[in-house]
Amino acid sequence: MVIYEADVPGVGKRYEVEADDGSRLVVIVHHDGKREIFRRPNADADAEKLFDLSSTQAKDAANVLQGADFQPLDLDNADVPLGGAVIEWVTVPETSPLVGETFADAGIREHTGVTVAAVQRGDDTLASPGARTTLEAGDVLVVVGTREDQQALETLLRTGSLD
């Protein structure tokens, strides 16, 4: 992960954190402790302001991000009963090209290797969805697969292909 840092004269400091997808989280830390949080879709785009945080709110958010109250497992080194597979909850994006397609037509298992154990759709849970189940925007898929399989699913849902 790359973090860019720059002084902002009369204001404080600017930090830009580059995400894997090329977008950037921009944080401007004011001398009084206020933080302004922005998102840049890519290095060449203008940033859009997301929200402000007070100094106290920023410290609380930092504790959450740091995992002060909860430490996730190091799944790369964890011994889990499913072998290399893990269970994840993945939301179908509103803009997914697969919205409206059946699981069979989307080829989720064939293309990614994940098994969809359930679909949470609003207040309803569809356990063991069949090949004719249609994907809807906002569906939360409960999937079992390796980390690589999970990443392939997220790419497939976002772009409609793995290329």
C-alpha atoms as a PDB file:
ATOM      1  CA  MET A   1       0.000   0.000   0.000  1.00  0.00           C
ATOM      2  CA  VAL A   2       1.297   3.424  -0.936  1.00  0.00           C
ATOM      3  CA  ILE A   3       0.635   6.439   1.306  1.00  0.00           C
ATOM      4  CA  TYR A   4       1.403   9.924   0.030  1.00  0.00           C
ATOM      5  CA  GLU A   5       1.954  12.746   2.513  1.00  0.00           C
ATOM      6  CA  ALA A   6       2.116  16.508   1.922  1.00  0.00           C
ATOM      7  CA  ASP A   7       2.028  19.684   3.987  1.00  0.00           C
ATOM      8  CA  VAL A   8      -0.962  21.932   3.390  1.00  0.00           C
ATOM      9  CA  PRO A   9       0.238  25.420   4.367  1.00  0.00           C
ATOM     10  CA  GLY A  10      -2.000  27.103   6.922  1.00  0.00           C
ATOM     11  CA  VAL A  11      -4.184  23.984   7.199  1.00  0.00           C
ATOM     12  CA  GLY A  12      -2.190  20.923   8.290  1.00  0.00           C
ATOM     13  CA  LYS A  13      -1.281  17.728   6.428  1.00  0.00           C
ATOM     14  CA  ARG A  14      -2.777  15.764   3.556  1.00  0.00           C
ATOM     15  CA  TYR A  15      -2.511  11.987   3.341  1.00  0.00           C
ATOM     16  CA  GLU A  16      -3.540   9.898   0.351  1.00  0.00           C
ATOM     17  CA  VAL A  17      -3.870   6.147   0.724  1.00  0.00           C
ATOM     18  CA  GLU A  18      -3.851   4.243  -2.554  1.00  0.00           C
ATOM     19  CA  ALA A  19      -6.216   1.259  -2.668  1.00  0.00           C
ATOM     20  CA  ASP A  20      -5.683  -1.863  -4.762  1.00  0.00           C
ATOM     21  CA  ASP A  21      -8.218  -0.666  -7.348  1.00  0.00           C
ATOM     22  CA  GLY A  22      -6.319   2.598  -7.946  1.00  0.00           C
ATOM     23  CA  SER A  23      -8.755   4.781  -6.016  1.00  0.00           C
ATOM     24  CA  ARG A  24      -7.453   6.908  -3.171  1.00  0.00           C
ATOM     25  CA  LEU A  25      -8.668   7.793   0.285  1.00  0.00           C
ATOM     26  CA  VAL A  26      -7.659  11.392   1.006  1.00  0.00           C
ATOM     27  CA  VAL A  27      -7.472  12.631   4.598  1.00  0.00           C
ATOM     28  CA  ILE A  28      -6.745  16.264   5.417  1.00  0.00           C
ATOM     29  CA  VAL A  29      -5.722  16.691   9.054  1.00  0.00           C
ATOM     30  CA  HIS A  30      -6.244  20.263  10.233  1.00  0.00           C
ATOM     31  CA  HIS A  31      -4.097  21.868  12.923  1.00  0.00           C
ATOM     32  CA  ASP A  32      -7.145  21.852  15.248  1.00  0.00           C
ATOM     33  CA  GLY A  33      -7.573  18.064  14.856  1.00  0.00           C
ATOM     34  CA  LYS A  34     -10.520  18.145  12.430  1.00  0.00           C
ATOM     35  CA  ARG A  35     -10.292  15.610   9.587  1.00  0.00           C
ATOM     36  CA  GLU A  36     -11.813  15.965   6.147  1.00  0.00           C
ATOM     37  CA  ILE A  37     -12.275  12.665   4.318  1.00  0.00           C
ATOM     38  CA  PHE A  38     -12.357  12.528   0.512  1.00  0.00           C
ATOM     39  CA  ARG A  39     -12.356   9.810  -2.162  1.00  0.00           C
ATOM     40  CA  ARG A  40     -10.543  10.053  -5.487  1.00  0.00           C
ATOM     41  CA  PRO A  41     -11.632   7.424  -8.053  1.00  0.00           C
ATOM     42  CA  ASN A  42      -8.090   7.527  -9.507  1.00  0.00           C
ATOM     43  CA  ALA A  43      -4.899   9.577  -9.253  1.00  0.00           C
ATOM     44  CA  ASP A  44      -5.995  11.969 -12.030  1.00  0.00           C
ATOM     45  CA  ALA A  45      -9.572  12.590 -10.854  1.00  0.00           C
ATOM     46  CA  ASP A  46     -10.886  15.303  -8.565  1.00  0.00           C
ATOM     47  CA  ALA A  47     -11.639  14.208  -5.022  1.00  0.00           C
ATOM     48  CA  GLU A  48     -15.202  14.148  -3.713  1.00  0.00           C
ATOM     49  CA  LYS A  49     -15.742  15.017  -0.085  1.00  0.00           C
ATOM     50  CA  LEU A  50     -17.320  12.212   1.911  1.00  0.00           C
ATOM     51  CA  PHE A  51     -17.499  13.623   5.452  1.00  0.00           C
ATOM     52  CA  ASP A  52     -15.759  15.455   8.308  1.00  0.00           C
ATOM     53  CA  LEU A  53     -14.598  13.976  11.597  1.00  0.00           C
ATOM     54  CA  SER A  54     -13.780  15.735  14.823  1.00  0.00           C
ATOM     55  CA  SER A  55     -10.532  14.809  16.551  1.00  0.00           C
ATOM     56  CA  THR A  56     -12.398  12.477  18.932  1.00  0.00           C
ATOM     57  CA  GLN A  57     -14.362  10.839  16.099  1.00  0.00           C
ATOM     58  CA  ALA A  58     -11.137  10.334  14.142  1.00  0.00           C
ATOM     59  CA  LYS A  59      -9.510   8.605  17.123  1.00  0.00           C
ATOM     60  CA  ASP A  60     -12.551   6.337  17.528  1.00  0.00           C
ATOM     61  CA  ALA A  61     -12.537   5.502  13.795  1.00  0.00           C
ATOM     62  CA  ALA A  62      -8.787   4.806  13.958  1.00  0.00           C
ATOM     63  CA  ASN A  63      -9.376   2.347  16.809  1.00  0.00           C
ATOM     64  CA  VAL A  64     -11.963   0.534  14.710  1.00  0.00           C
ATOM     65  CA  LEU A  65      -9.649   0.413  11.687  1.00  0.00           C
ATOM     66  CA  GLN A  66      -6.773  -0.737  13.871  1.00  0.00           C
ATOM     67  CA  GLY A  67      -8.885  -3.511  15.332  1.00  0.00           C
ATOM     68  CA  ALA A  68      -8.427  -2.356  18.932  1.00  0.00           C
ATOM     69  CA  ASP A  69     -11.584  -4.195  20.046  1.00  0.00           C
ATOM     70  CA  PHE A  70     -11.549  -7.020  17.496  1.00  0.00           C
ATOM     71  CA  GLN A  71      -8.687  -8.772  15.791  1.00  0.00           C
ATOM     72  CA  PRO A  72      -9.616 -10.628  12.602  1.00  0.00           C
ATOM     73  CA  LEU A  73      -7.973 -13.963  12.015  1.00  0.00           C
ATOM     74  CA  ASP A  74      -4.904 -14.219   9.825  1.00  0.00           C
ATOM     75  CA  LEU A  75      -6.734 -16.509   7.406  1.00  0.00           C
ATOM     76  CA  ASP A  76      -3.600 -17.143   5.384  1.00  0.00           C
ATOM     77  CA  ASN A  77      -2.180 -18.977   8.391  1.00  0.00           C
ATOM     78  CA  ALA A  78      -5.347 -20.104  10.203  1.00  0.00           C
ATOM     79  CA  ASP A  79      -6.227 -23.765  10.494  1.00  0.00           C
ATOM     80  CA  VAL A  80      -9.939 -23.862   9.697  1.00  0.00           C
ATOM     81  CA  PRO A  81     -12.180 -26.937   9.375  1.00  0.00           C
ATOM     82  CA  LEU A  82     -13.003 -26.080   5.747  1.00  0.00           C
ATOM     83  CA  GLY A  83      -9.392 -26.447   4.593  1.00  0.00           C
ATOM     84  CA  GLY A  84      -8.519 -23.407   2.481  1.00  0.00           C
ATOM     85  CA  ALA A  85     -12.148 -22.300   2.177  1.00  0.00           C
ATOM     86  CA  VAL A  86     -13.766 -19.517   4.162  1.00  0.00           C
ATOM     87  CA  ILE A  87     -17.320 -18.233   4.422  1.00  0.00           C
ATOM     88  CA  GLU A  88     -17.928 -14.645   3.306  1.00  0.00           C
ATOM     89  CA  TRP A  89     -20.895 -12.344   2.748  1.00  0.00           C
ATOM     90  CA  VAL A  90     -20.672 -10.556  -0.600  1.00  0.00           C
ATOM     91  CA  THR A  91     -23.129  -7.882  -1.733  1.00  0.00           C
ATOM     92  CA  VAL A  92     -24.196  -7.763  -5.393  1.00  0.00           C
ATOM     93  CA  PRO A  93     -23.437  -4.171  -6.500  1.00  0.00           C
ATOM     94  CA  GLU A  94     -26.271  -2.038  -7.879  1.00  0.00           C
ATOM     95  CA  THR A  95     -24.237  -1.611 -11.069  1.00  0.00           C
ATOM     96  CA  SER A  96     -23.332  -5.294 -11.528  1.00  0.00           C
ATOM     97  CA  PRO A  97     -23.746  -6.489 -15.126  1.00  0.00           C
ATOM     98  CA  LEU A  98     -24.986  -9.789 -13.672  1.00  0.00           C
ATOM     99  CA  VAL A  99     -28.137  -8.278 -12.112  1.00  0.00           C
ATOM    100  CA  GLY A 100     -31.126 -10.046 -13.641  1.00  0.00           C
ATOM    101  CA  GLU A 101     -29.147 -13.145 -14.637  1.00  0.00           C
ATOM    102  CA  THR A 102     -29.646 -16.562 -13.103  1.00  0.00           C
ATOM    103  CA  PHE A 103     -26.837 -18.221 -11.181  1.00  0.00           C
ATOM    104  CA  ALA A 104     -26.518 -20.697 -14.071  1.00  0.00           C
ATOM    105  CA  ASP A 105     -26.283 -17.990 -16.750  1.00  0.00           C
ATOM    106  CA  ALA A 106     -23.807 -15.980 -14.670  1.00  0.00           C
ATOM    107  CA  GLY A 107     -21.662 -19.105 -14.211  1.00  0.00           C
ATOM    108  CA  ILE A 108     -20.707 -18.127 -10.692  1.00  0.00           C
ATOM    109  CA  ARG A 109     -19.503 -21.552  -9.549  1.00  0.00           C
ATOM    110  CA  GLU A 110     -17.908 -22.431 -12.900  1.00  0.00           C
ATOM    111  CA  HIS A 111     -16.026 -19.124 -13.230  1.00  0.00           C
ATOM    112  CA  THR A 112     -15.053 -18.532  -9.602  1.00  0.00           C
ATOM    113  CA  GLY A 113     -15.179 -21.845  -7.735  1.00  0.00           C
ATOM    114  CA  VAL A 114     -17.345 -20.476  -4.899  1.00  0.00           C
ATOM    115  CA  THR A 115     -20.440 -22.212  -3.624  1.00  0.00           C
ATOM    116  CA  VAL A 116     -23.389 -19.951  -2.819  1.00  0.00           C
ATOM    117  CA  ALA A 117     -24.892 -21.355   0.380  1.00  0.00           C
ATOM    118  CA  ALA A 118     -27.624 -18.736   0.767  1.00  0.00           C
ATOM    119  CA  VAL A 119     -28.918 -15.406  -0.514  1.00  0.00           C
ATOM    120  CA  GLN A 120     -30.109 -12.709   1.868  1.00  0.00           C
ATOM    121  CA  ARG A 121     -32.618 -10.577  -0.038  1.00  0.00           C
ATOM    122  CA  GLY A 122     -34.075  -7.894   2.183  1.00  0.00           C
ATOM    123  CA  ASP A 123     -35.724  -9.716   5.082  1.00  0.00           C
ATOM    124  CA  ASP A 124     -35.847 -13.025   3.187  1.00  0.00           C
ATOM    125  CA  THR A 125     -33.203 -15.731   3.190  1.00  0.00           C
ATOM    126  CA  LEU A 126     -33.022 -18.127   0.265  1.00  0.00           C
ATOM    127  CA  ALA A 127     -31.159 -21.187   1.550  1.00  0.00           C
ATOM    128  CA  SER A 128     -29.312 -23.303  -1.012  1.00  0.00           C
ATOM    129  CA  PRO A 129     -30.361 -21.206  -4.022  1.00  0.00           C
ATOM    130  CA  GLY A 130     -30.750 -23.140  -7.246  1.00  0.00           C
ATOM    131  CA  ALA A 131     -29.305 -22.530 -10.687  1.00  0.00           C
ATOM    132  CA  ARG A 132     -32.483 -20.670 -11.705  1.00  0.00           C
ATOM    133  CA  THR A 133     -32.251 -18.155  -8.860  1.00  0.00           C
ATOM    134  CA  THR A 134     -31.929 -14.652 -10.309  1.00  0.00           C
ATOM    135  CA  LEU A 135     -29.333 -12.235  -8.995  1.00  0.00           C
ATOM    136  CA  GLU A 136     -30.764  -8.929  -7.770  1.00  0.00           C
ATOM    137  CA  ALA A 137     -28.948  -5.714  -6.889  1.00  0.00           C
ATOM    138  CA  GLY A 138     -28.299  -5.597  -3.161  1.00  0.00           C
ATOM    139  CA  ASP A 139     -28.490  -9.370  -2.676  1.00  0.00           C
ATOM    140  CA  VAL A 140     -26.069 -10.564  -0.025  1.00  0.00           C
ATOM    141  CA  LEU A 141     -24.542 -13.857  -1.124  1.00  0.00           C
ATOM    142  CA  VAL A 142     -23.280 -16.210   1.579  1.00  0.00           C
ATOM    143  CA  VAL A 143     -20.448 -17.968  -0.221  1.00  0.00           C
ATOM    144  CA  VAL A 144     -17.886 -20.653   0.575  1.00  0.00           C
ATOM    145  CA  GLY A 145     -14.560 -20.714  -1.225  1.00  0.00           C
ATOM    146  CA  THR A 146     -10.883 -19.885  -0.997  1.00  0.00           C
ATOM    147  CA  ARG A 147      -9.680 -16.278  -0.764  1.00  0.00           C
ATOM    148  CA  GLU A 148      -8.786 -16.449  -4.467  1.00  0.00           C
ATOM    149  CA  ASP A 149     -12.271 -17.764  -5.292  1.00  0.00           C
ATOM    150  CA  GLN A 150     -13.817 -14.935  -3.229  1.00  0.00           C
ATOM    151  CA  GLN A 151     -11.742 -12.311  -5.080  1.00  0.00           C
ATOM    152  CA  ALA A 152     -12.752 -13.834  -8.418  1.00  0.00           C
ATOM    153  CA  LEU A 153     -16.424 -13.594  -7.386  1.00  0.00           C
ATOM    154  CA  GLU A 154     -16.080  -9.918  -6.464  1.00  0.00           C
ATOM    155  CA  THR A 155     -14.420  -9.217  -9.835  1.00  0.00           C
ATOM    156  CA  LEU A 156     -17.134 -11.155 -11.674  1.00  0.00           C
ATOM    157  CA  LEU A 157     -19.912  -9.291  -9.858  1.00  0.00           C
ATOM    158  CA  ARG A 158     -18.261  -5.906 -10.479  1.00  0.00           C
ATOM    159  CA  THR A 159     -17.298  -6.369 -14.137  1.00  0.00           C
ATOM    160  CA  GLY A 160     -19.291  -9.297 -15.494  1.00  0.00           C
ATOM    161  CA  SER A 161     -16.108 -11.197 -16.431  1.00  0.00           C
ATOM    162  CA  LEU A 162     -12.772 -12.321 -15.063  1.00  0.00           C
ATOM    163  CA  ASP A 163     -10.725 -10.906 -17.958  1.00  0.00           C
END
